[in-house]
C-alpha atoms as a PDB file:
ATOM      1  CA  UNK A   1     -90.185 127.128 -83.665  1.00  0.00           C
ATOM      2  CA  UNK A   2     -89.462 130.835 -83.205  1.00  0.00           C
ATOM      3  CA  UNK A   3     -86.985 132.062 -80.637  1.00  0.00           C
ATOM      4  CA  UNK A   4     -88.514 132.117 -77.126  1.00  0.00           C
ATOM      5  CA  UNK A   5     -91.864 130.603 -78.178  1.00  0.00           C
ATOM      6  CA  UNK A   6     -91.380 127.598 -75.904  1.00  0.00           C
ATOM      7  CA  UNK A   7     -88.868 129.135 -73.506  1.00  0.00           C
ATOM      8  CA  UNK A   8     -91.040 132.124 -72.540  1.00  0.00           C
ATOM      9  CA  UNK A   9     -93.185 130.113 -70.125  1.00  0.00           C
ATOM     10  CA  UNK A  10     -90.161 128.688 -68.323  1.00  0.00           C
ATOM     11  CA  UNK A  11     -87.792 131.657 -68.616  1.00  0.00           C
ATOM     12  CA  UNK A  12     -88.334 133.131 -65.150  1.00  0.00           C
ATOM     13  CA  UNK A  13     -87.974 129.786 -63.399  1.00  0.00           C
ATOM     14  CA  UNK A  14     -84.732 129.060 -65.247  1.00  0.00           C
ATOM     15  CA  UNK A  15     -83.222 132.503 -64.550  1.00  0.00           C
ATOM     16  CA  UNK A  16     -83.863 132.834 -60.828  1.00  0.00           C
ATOM     17  CA  UNK A  17     -80.119 133.222 -60.239  1.00  0.00           C
ATOM     18  CA  UNK A  18     -79.747 136.234 -62.547  1.00  0.00           C
ATOM     19  CA  UNK A  19     -79.767 138.725 -59.673  1.00  0.00           C
ATOM     20  CA  UNK A  20     -82.102 141.339 -61.103  1.00  0.00           C
ATOM     21  CA  UNK A  21     -82.049 143.528 -57.990  1.00  0.00           C
ATOM     22  CA  UNK A  22     -78.258 143.828 -58.097  1.00  0.00           C
ATOM     23  CA  UNK A  23     -78.363 144.603 -61.815  1.00  0.00           C
ATOM     24  CA  UNK A  24     -81.011 147.259 -61.200  1.00  0.00           C
ATOM     25  CA  UNK A  25     -78.787 148.775 -58.497  1.00  0.00           C
ATOM     26  CA  UNK A  26     -75.961 149.100 -61.020  1.00  0.00           C
ATOM     27  CA  UNK A  27     -78.246 150.552 -63.681  1.00  0.00           C
ATOM     28  CA  UNK A  28     -79.399 153.182 -61.211  1.00  0.00           C
ATOM     29  CA  UNK A  29     -75.808 154.082 -60.332  1.00  0.00           C
ATOM     30  CA  UNK A  30     -75.184 154.824 -64.002  1.00  0.00           C
ATOM     31  CA  UNK A  31     -78.511 156.599 -64.543  1.00  0.00           C
ATOM     32  CA  UNK A  32     -77.772 158.950 -61.643  1.00  0.00           C
ATOM     33  CA  UNK A  33     -74.956 160.357 -63.792  1.00  0.00           C
ATOM     34  CA  UNK A  34     -77.492 161.599 -66.326  1.00  0.00           C
ATOM     35  CA  UNK A  35     -77.439 165.290 -67.191  1.00  0.00           C
ATOM     36  CA  UNK A  36     -81.230 165.332 -67.104  1.00  0.00           C
ATOM     37  CA  UNK A  37     -83.623 163.929 -64.467  1.00  0.00           C
ATOM     38  CA  UNK A  38     -84.577 160.338 -65.279  1.00  0.00           C
ATOM     39  CA  UNK A  39     -88.263 159.614 -64.890  1.00  0.00           C
ATOM     40  CA  UNK A  40     -89.338 157.879 -68.112  1.00  0.00           C
ATOM     41  CA  UNK A  41     -87.222 154.841 -69.037  1.00  0.00           C
ATOM     42  CA  UNK A  42     -87.266 152.584 -72.074  1.00  0.00           C
ATOM     43  CA  UNK A  43     -86.536 148.924 -71.291  1.00  0.00           C
ATOM     44  CA  UNK A  44     -85.497 147.638 -74.718  1.00  0.00           C
ATOM     45  CA  UNK A  45     -85.768 143.872 -75.261  1.00  0.00           C
ATOM     46  CA  UNK A  46     -87.581 143.641 -71.937  1.00  0.00           C
ATOM     47  CA  UNK A  47     -88.330 139.912 -72.192  1.00  0.00           C
ATOM     48  CA  UNK A  48     -90.681 138.706 -69.456  1.00  0.00           C
ATOM     49  CA  UNK A  49     -90.571 142.153 -67.871  1.00  0.00           C
ATOM     50  CA  UNK A  50     -88.796 141.367 -64.601  1.00  0.00           C
ATOM     51  CA  UNK A  51     -86.516 144.397 -64.902  1.00  0.00           C
ATOM     52  CA  UNK A  52     -89.391 146.491 -66.267  1.00  0.00           C
ATOM     53  CA  UNK A  53     -91.518 145.857 -63.201  1.00  0.00           C
ATOM     54  CA  UNK A  54     -88.555 146.235 -60.871  1.00  0.00           C
ATOM     55  CA  UNK A  55     -87.772 149.691 -62.262  1.00  0.00           C
ATOM     56  CA  UNK A  56     -91.466 150.554 -61.978  1.00  0.00           C
ATOM     57  CA  UNK A  57     -91.352 149.510 -58.334  1.00  0.00           C
ATOM     58  CA  UNK A  58     -88.419 151.884 -57.860  1.00  0.00           C
ATOM     59  CA  UNK A  59     -90.434 154.848 -59.048  1.00  0.00           C
ATOM     60  CA  UNK A  60     -89.712 155.068 -62.782  1.00  0.00           C
ATOM     61  CA  UNK A  61     -92.282 155.180 -65.545  1.00  0.00           C
ATOM     62  CA  UNK A  62     -91.261 152.447 -67.957  1.00  0.00           C
ATOM     63  CA  UNK A  63     -91.934 151.457 -71.549  1.00  0.00           C
ATOM     64  CA  UNK A  64     -91.102 147.805 -72.208  1.00  0.00           C
ATOM     65  CA  UNK A  65     -90.370 146.779 -75.794  1.00  0.00           C
ATOM     66  CA  UNK A  66     -89.725 143.262 -77.051  1.00  0.00           C
ATOM     67  CA  UNK A  67     -89.835 141.376 -80.318  1.00  0.00           C
ATOM     68  CA  UNK A  68     -91.411 138.217 -78.843  1.00  0.00           C
ATOM     69  CA  UNK A  69     -95.165 138.159 -78.301  1.00  0.00           C
ATOM     70  CA  UNK A  70     -94.761 135.205 -75.941  1.00  0.00           C
ATOM     71  CA  UNK A  71     -92.262 137.040 -73.729  1.00  0.00           C
ATOM     72  CA  UNK A  72     -94.482 140.135 -73.685  1.00  0.00           C
ATOM     73  CA  UNK A  73     -97.485 138.040 -72.677  1.00  0.00           C
ATOM     74  CA  UNK A  74     -95.483 136.790 -69.701  1.00  0.00           C
ATOM     75  CA  UNK A  75     -94.453 140.373 -68.886  1.00  0.00           C
ATOM     76  CA  UNK A  76     -98.006 141.679 -68.976  1.00  0.00           C
ATOM     77  CA  UNK A  77     -99.233 138.827 -66.787  1.00  0.00           C
ATOM     78  CA  UNK A  78     -97.178 140.311 -63.942  1.00  0.00           C
ATOM     79  CA  UNK A  79     -99.459 143.343 -63.740  1.00  0.00           C
ATOM     80  CA  UNK A  80    -100.333 144.585 -60.299  1.00  0.00           C
ATOM     81  CA  UNK A  81     -97.073 143.471 -58.722  1.00  0.00           C
ATOM     82  CA  UNK A  82     -95.760 147.001 -58.257  1.00  0.00           C
ATOM     83  CA  UNK A  83     -97.079 150.367 -57.146  1.00  0.00           C
ATOM     84  CA  UNK A  84     -96.810 153.377 -59.426  1.00  0.00           C
ATOM     85  CA  UNK A  85     -97.681 153.894 -63.072  1.00  0.00           C
ATOM     86  CA  UNK A  86     -97.990 150.475 -64.784  1.00  0.00           C
ATOM     87  CA  UNK A  87     -95.534 149.909 -67.647  1.00  0.00           C
ATOM     88  CA  UNK A  88     -96.557 150.246 -71.265  1.00  0.00           C
ATOM     89  CA  UNK A  89     -95.552 147.216 -73.341  1.00  0.00           C
ATOM     90  CA  UNK A  90     -94.938 147.366 -77.098  1.00  0.00           C
ATOM     91  CA  UNK A  91     -94.266 144.566 -79.572  1.00  0.00           C
ATOM     92  CA  UNK A  92     -91.371 145.820 -81.708  1.00  0.00           C
ATOM     93  CA  UNK A  93     -87.985 144.635 -82.897  1.00  0.00           C
ATOM     94  CA  UNK A  94     -84.958 146.609 -81.747  1.00  0.00           C
ATOM     95  CA  UNK A  95     -83.882 147.928 -85.195  1.00  0.00           C
ATOM     96  CA  UNK A  96     -87.456 149.134 -85.846  1.00  0.00           C
ATOM     97  CA  UNK A  97     -88.026 150.860 -82.510  1.00  0.00           C
ATOM     98  CA  UNK A  98     -90.786 153.452 -82.847  1.00  0.00           C
ATOM     99  CA  UNK A  99     -92.026 155.383 -79.814  1.00  0.00           C
ATOM    100  CA  UNK A 100     -94.611 158.144 -79.467  1.00  0.00           C
ATOM    101  CA  UNK A 101     -92.065 160.590 -78.036  1.00  0.00           C
ATOM    102  CA  UNK A 102     -88.731 160.704 -76.254  1.00  0.00           C
ATOM    103  CA  UNK A 103     -87.623 158.986 -73.053  1.00  0.00           C
ATOM    104  CA  UNK A 104     -85.189 160.257 -70.435  1.00  0.00           C
ATOM    105  CA  UNK A 105     -83.091 157.091 -70.583  1.00  0.00           C
ATOM    106  CA  UNK A 106     -82.954 153.697 -72.237  1.00  0.00           C
ATOM    107  CA  UNK A 107     -81.643 150.407 -70.893  1.00  0.00           C
ATOM    108  CA  UNK A 108     -81.077 147.101 -72.654  1.00  0.00           C
ATOM    109  CA  UNK A 109     -80.215 144.253 -70.312  1.00  0.00           C
ATOM    110  CA  UNK A 110     -78.934 140.682 -70.282  1.00  0.00           C
ATOM    111  CA  UNK A 111     -76.932 140.686 -73.528  1.00  0.00           C
ATOM    112  CA  UNK A 112     -79.991 141.340 -75.677  1.00  0.00           C
ATOM    113  CA  UNK A 113     -77.932 143.228 -78.254  1.00  0.00           C
ATOM    114  CA  UNK A 114     -75.884 140.081 -78.889  1.00  0.00           C
ATOM    115  CA  UNK A 115     -79.057 138.569 -80.363  1.00  0.00           C
ATOM    116  CA  UNK A 116     -78.758 141.042 -83.235  1.00  0.00           C
ATOM    117  CA  UNK A 117     -76.512 138.864 -85.365  1.00  0.00           C
ATOM    118  CA  UNK A 118     -76.307 141.346 -88.258  1.00  0.00           C
ATOM    119  CA  UNK A 119     -73.975 144.245 -87.372  1.00  0.00           C
ATOM    120  CA  UNK A 120     -76.116 146.578 -89.452  1.00  0.00           C
ATOM    121  CA  UNK A 121     -79.073 145.831 -87.169  1.00  0.00           C
ATOM    122  CA  UNK A 122     -76.999 146.969 -84.189  1.00  0.00           C
ATOM    123  CA  UNK A 123     -76.170 150.210 -85.996  1.00  0.00           C
ATOM    124  CA  UNK A 124     -79.844 150.702 -86.901  1.00  0.00           C
ATOM    125  CA  UNK A 125     -80.819 150.102 -83.276  1.00  0.00           C
ATOM    126  CA  UNK A 126     -78.369 152.738 -82.055  1.00  0.00           C
ATOM    127  CA  UNK A 127     -79.751 155.215 -84.606  1.00  0.00           C
ATOM    128  CA  UNK A 128     -83.328 154.529 -83.481  1.00  0.00           C
ATOM    129  CA  UNK A 129     -82.320 154.931 -79.842  1.00  0.00           C
ATOM    130  CA  UNK A 130     -80.660 158.240 -80.645  1.00  0.00           C
ATOM    131  CA  UNK A 131     -83.929 159.365 -82.165  1.00  0.00           C
ATOM    132  CA  UNK A 132     -86.024 158.507 -79.099  1.00  0.00           C
ATOM    133  CA  UNK A 133     -83.684 159.283 -76.181  1.00  0.00           C
ATOM    134  CA  UNK A 134     -83.999 162.954 -75.209  1.00  0.00           C
ATOM    135  CA  UNK A 135     -80.927 165.196 -75.616  1.00  0.00           C
ATOM    136  CA  UNK A 136     -78.769 164.724 -72.540  1.00  0.00           C
ATOM    137  CA  UNK A 137     -80.448 161.407 -71.783  1.00  0.00           C
ATOM    138  CA  UNK A 138     -78.553 158.184 -71.227  1.00  0.00           C
ATOM    139  CA  UNK A 139     -78.343 154.798 -72.880  1.00  0.00           C
ATOM    140  CA  UNK A 140     -77.102 151.888 -70.740  1.00  0.00           C
ATOM    141  CA  UNK A 141     -76.702 148.322 -71.973  1.00  0.00           C
ATOM    142  CA  UNK A 142     -74.625 145.185 -71.458  1.00  0.00           C
ATOM    143  CA  UNK A 143     -73.265 142.543 -73.813  1.00  0.00           C
ATOM    144  CA  UNK A 144     -71.615 139.169 -73.574  1.00  0.00           C
ATOM    145  CA  UNK A 145     -67.950 139.568 -74.443  1.00  0.00           C
ATOM    146  CA  UNK A 146     -66.075 137.890 -77.256  1.00  0.00           C
ATOM    147  CA  UNK A 147     -64.106 135.937 -74.641  1.00  0.00           C
ATOM    148  CA  UNK A 148     -67.261 134.548 -73.062  1.00  0.00           C
ATOM    149  CA  UNK A 149     -68.901 133.447 -76.302  1.00  0.00           C
ATOM    150  CA  UNK A 150     -65.683 131.889 -77.604  1.00  0.00           C
ATOM    151  CA  UNK A 151     -65.344 129.878 -74.388  1.00  0.00           C
ATOM    152  CA  UNK A 152     -68.862 128.451 -74.836  1.00  0.00           C
ATOM    153  CA  UNK A 153     -67.842 126.480 -77.936  1.00  0.00           C
ATOM    154  CA  UNK A 154     -68.614 122.797 -77.466  1.00  0.00           C
ATOM    155  CA  UNK A 155     -70.137 123.220 -74.010  1.00  0.00           C
ATOM    156  CA  UNK A 156     -73.256 121.439 -72.723  1.00  0.00           C
ATOM    157  CA  UNK A 157     -75.414 122.875 -69.917  1.00  0.00           C
ATOM    158  CA  UNK A 158     -78.366 121.711 -67.854  1.00  0.00           C
ATOM    159  CA  UNK A 159     -80.958 123.874 -66.102  1.00  0.00           C
ATOM    160  CA  UNK A 160     -83.822 122.287 -64.215  1.00  0.00           C
ATOM    161  CA  UNK A 161     -86.672 123.026 -61.849  1.00  0.00           C
ATOM    162  CA  UNK A 162     -89.381 120.733 -60.497  1.00  0.00           C
ATOM    163  CA  UNK A 163     -91.454 121.129 -63.672  1.00  0.00           C
ATOM    164  CA  UNK A 164     -88.855 122.165 -66.259  1.00  0.00           C
ATOM    165  CA  UNK A 165     -85.751 120.491 -67.673  1.00  0.00           C
ATOM    166  CA  UNK A 166     -83.589 122.353 -70.202  1.00  0.00           C
ATOM    167  CA  UNK A 167     -80.496 120.949 -71.906  1.00  0.00           C
ATOM    168  CA  UNK A 168     -78.515 123.204 -74.197  1.00  0.00           C
ATOM    169  CA  UNK A 169     -75.302 122.894 -76.127  1.00  0.00           C
ATOM    170  CA  UNK A 170     -73.324 125.575 -77.869  1.00  0.00           C
ATOM    171  CA  UNK A 171     -71.164 126.049 -80.929  1.00  0.00           C
ATOM    172  CA  UNK A 172     -69.000 129.070 -81.751  1.00  0.00           C
ATOM    173  CA  UNK A 173     -67.733 129.884 -85.233  1.00  0.00           C
ATOM    174  CA  UNK A 174     -66.640 133.126 -86.869  1.00  0.00           C
ATOM    175  CA  UNK A 175     -68.066 135.357 -84.192  1.00  0.00           C
ATOM    176  CA  UNK A 176     -71.409 133.578 -84.008  1.00  0.00           C
ATOM    177  CA  UNK A 177     -72.495 131.513 -80.987  1.00  0.00           C
ATOM    178  CA  UNK A 178     -75.358 129.082 -81.577  1.00  0.00           C
ATOM    179  CA  UNK A 179     -77.388 127.616 -78.706  1.00  0.00           C
ATOM    180  CA  UNK A 180     -79.312 124.387 -79.353  1.00  0.00           C
ATOM    181  CA  UNK A 181     -81.966 123.990 -76.642  1.00  0.00           C
ATOM    182  CA  UNK A 182     -84.146 121.016 -75.728  1.00  0.00           C
ATOM    183  CA  UNK A 183     -86.834 122.027 -73.259  1.00  0.00           C
ATOM    184  CA  UNK A 184     -89.009 119.541 -71.341  1.00  0.00           C
ATOM    185  CA  UNK A 185     -91.995 120.845 -69.353  1.00  0.00           C
ATOM    186  CA  UNK A 186     -94.266 118.790 -67.119  1.00  0.00           C
ATOM    187  CA  UNK A 187     -97.928 118.928 -68.133  1.00  0.00           C
ATOM    188  CA  UNK A 188    -100.843 118.900 -65.707  1.00  0.00           C
ATOM    189  CA  UNK A 189    -101.404 115.201 -66.372  1.00  0.00           C
ATOM    190  CA  UNK A 190     -97.821 114.452 -65.323  1.00  0.00           C
ATOM    191  CA  UNK A 191     -96.519 113.753 -68.820  1.00  0.00           C
ATOM    192  CA  UNK A 192     -93.618 115.763 -70.229  1.00  0.00           C
ATOM    193  CA  UNK A 193     -93.761 117.903 -73.353  1.00  0.00           C
ATOM    194  CA  UNK A 194     -90.586 118.383 -75.381  1.00  0.00           C
ATOM    195  CA  UNK A 195     -89.801 121.518 -77.399  1.00  0.00           C
ATOM    196  CA  UNK A 196     -86.695 122.592 -79.267  1.00  0.00           C
ATOM    197  CA  UNK A 197     -85.363 126.089 -79.865  1.00  0.00           C
ATOM    198  CA  UNK A 198     -82.336 127.573 -81.559  1.00  0.00           C
ATOM    199  CA  UNK A 199     -80.792 130.821 -80.354  1.00  0.00           C
ATOM    200  CA  UNK A 200     -77.885 132.765 -81.834  1.00  0.00           C
ATOM    201  CA  UNK A 201     -75.701 135.564 -80.514  1.00  0.00           C
ATOM    202  CA  UNK A 202     -72.935 137.477 -82.242  1.00  0.00           C
ATOM    203  CA  UNK A 203     -69.803 138.598 -80.444  1.00  0.00           C
ATOM    204  CA  UNK A 204     -69.037 142.305 -80.730  1.00  0.00           C
ATOM    205  CA  UNK A 205     -65.907 144.025 -79.514  1.00  0.00           C
ATOM    206  CA  UNK A 206     -65.999 147.088 -77.292  1.00  0.00           C
ATOM    207  CA  UNK A 207     -64.251 148.980 -80.075  1.00  0.00           C
ATOM    208  CA  UNK A 208     -66.938 148.111 -82.623  1.00  0.00           C
ATOM    209  CA  UNK A 209     -69.794 149.096 -80.317  1.00  0.00           C
ATOM    210  CA  UNK A 210     -68.072 152.327 -79.257  1.00  0.00           C
ATOM    211  CA  UNK A 211     -67.555 153.322 -82.892  1.00  0.00           C
ATOM    212  CA  UNK A 212     -71.192 152.602 -83.798  1.00  0.00           C
ATOM    213  CA  UNK A 213     -72.484 154.554 -80.787  1.00  0.00           C
ATOM    214  CA  UNK A 214     -70.407 157.563 -81.785  1.00  0.00           C
ATOM    215  CA  UNK A 215     -71.563 157.191 -85.382  1.00  0.00           C
ATOM    216  CA  UNK A 216     -75.193 157.284 -84.189  1.00  0.00           C
ATOM    217  CA  UNK A 217     -74.613 160.501 -82.254  1.00  0.00           C
ATOM    218  CA  UNK A 218     -73.903 159.345 -78.693  1.00  0.00           C
ATOM    219  CA  UNK A 219     -71.091 160.840 -76.640  1.00  0.00           C
ATOM    220  CA  UNK A 220     -69.335 160.358 -73.303  1.00  0.00           C
ATOM    221  CA  UNK A 221     -69.144 156.629 -74.079  1.00  0.00           C
ATOM    222  CA  UNK A 222     -67.884 154.614 -71.111  1.00  0.00           C
ATOM    223  CA  UNK A 223     -67.258 150.882 -70.737  1.00  0.00           C
ATOM    224  CA  UNK A 224     -67.449 149.056 -67.405  1.00  0.00           C
ATOM    225  CA  UNK A 225     -66.884 145.591 -66.015  1.00  0.00           C
ATOM    226  CA  UNK A 226     -69.796 143.378 -65.007  1.00  0.00           C
ATOM    227  CA  UNK A 227     -71.613 145.465 -62.415  1.00  0.00           C
ATOM    228  CA  UNK A 228     -68.429 147.343 -61.487  1.00  0.00           C
ATOM    229  CA  UNK A 229     -67.567 151.022 -61.871  1.00  0.00           C
ATOM    230  CA  UNK A 230     -64.193 150.174 -63.383  1.00  0.00           C
ATOM    231  CA  UNK A 231     -62.721 149.343 -66.757  1.00  0.00           C
ATOM    232  CA  UNK A 232     -63.358 145.770 -67.889  1.00  0.00           C
ATOM    233  CA  UNK A 233     -60.717 143.177 -67.175  1.00  0.00           C
ATOM    234  CA  UNK A 234     -59.164 141.245 -70.050  1.00  0.00           C
ATOM    235  CA  UNK A 235     -61.200 138.101 -69.340  1.00  0.00           C
ATOM    236  CA  UNK A 236     -64.461 139.889 -68.422  1.00  0.00           C
ATOM    237  CA  UNK A 237     -67.537 137.825 -69.305  1.00  0.00           C
ATOM    238  CA  UNK A 238     -69.992 140.712 -69.523  1.00  0.00           C
ATOM    239  CA  UNK A 239     -69.390 144.427 -70.045  1.00  0.00           C
ATOM    240  CA  UNK A 240     -71.617 147.458 -69.642  1.00  0.00           C
ATOM    241  CA  UNK A 241     -71.797 150.596 -71.731  1.00  0.00           C
ATOM    242  CA  UNK A 242     -73.142 154.001 -70.794  1.00  0.00           C
ATOM    243  CA  UNK A 243     -73.375 156.951 -73.148  1.00  0.00           C
ATOM    244  CA  UNK A 244     -75.173 160.250 -73.542  1.00  0.00           C
ATOM    245  CA  UNK A 245     -77.421 161.317 -76.380  1.00  0.00           C
ATOM    246  CA  UNK A 246     -75.877 164.482 -77.824  1.00  0.00           C
END
């Protein structure tokens, strides 16, 4: 089963504690530092579109891009939840991003870049973003840190709602974290349907990502702690990057 095919329908229920509003607040703090006015925003790897619609609600025009048709279907089903110009959703992978023109800023949230397990795909993604972010525009994204993914090795987790039960275990080896997920969803007749998915993330260092951003043509590269306007701590679980398209 492809990544997110089964999880898409339960993703929002299982991520209610993510704190999207607080994350959007932090994104806006960084976007306000842009050298150009930010009106049109690319939400890369937008998933079920929660952040896409939230940014729309805050007055931005947004293009949501994701590689999963199932996640995009969930995103588009949220139409009409916000005033303003409805988002445009595109089915594309990150390394093959192809827009009709430039955007004022791009964001990529919730460690989506870690899902690019081939370093060359990360470099390709940065090059494509450089092509479609307007000069002076900003790129903001976050990643899970090496420390976080290493600490997940051998762990078992449980997420559940009234109609969904998800058990997942993790393995970490040579920079690659593998998530084995068993998802149980209650059907209308009361029976439970079981699905299995496998997800992988690669750990990237801040030094690697900074070098690849510079290589792609981004400047003023800054690294922050998780939702904090400060340098990351040594044991930080998530870090943010902001940079400017030269």
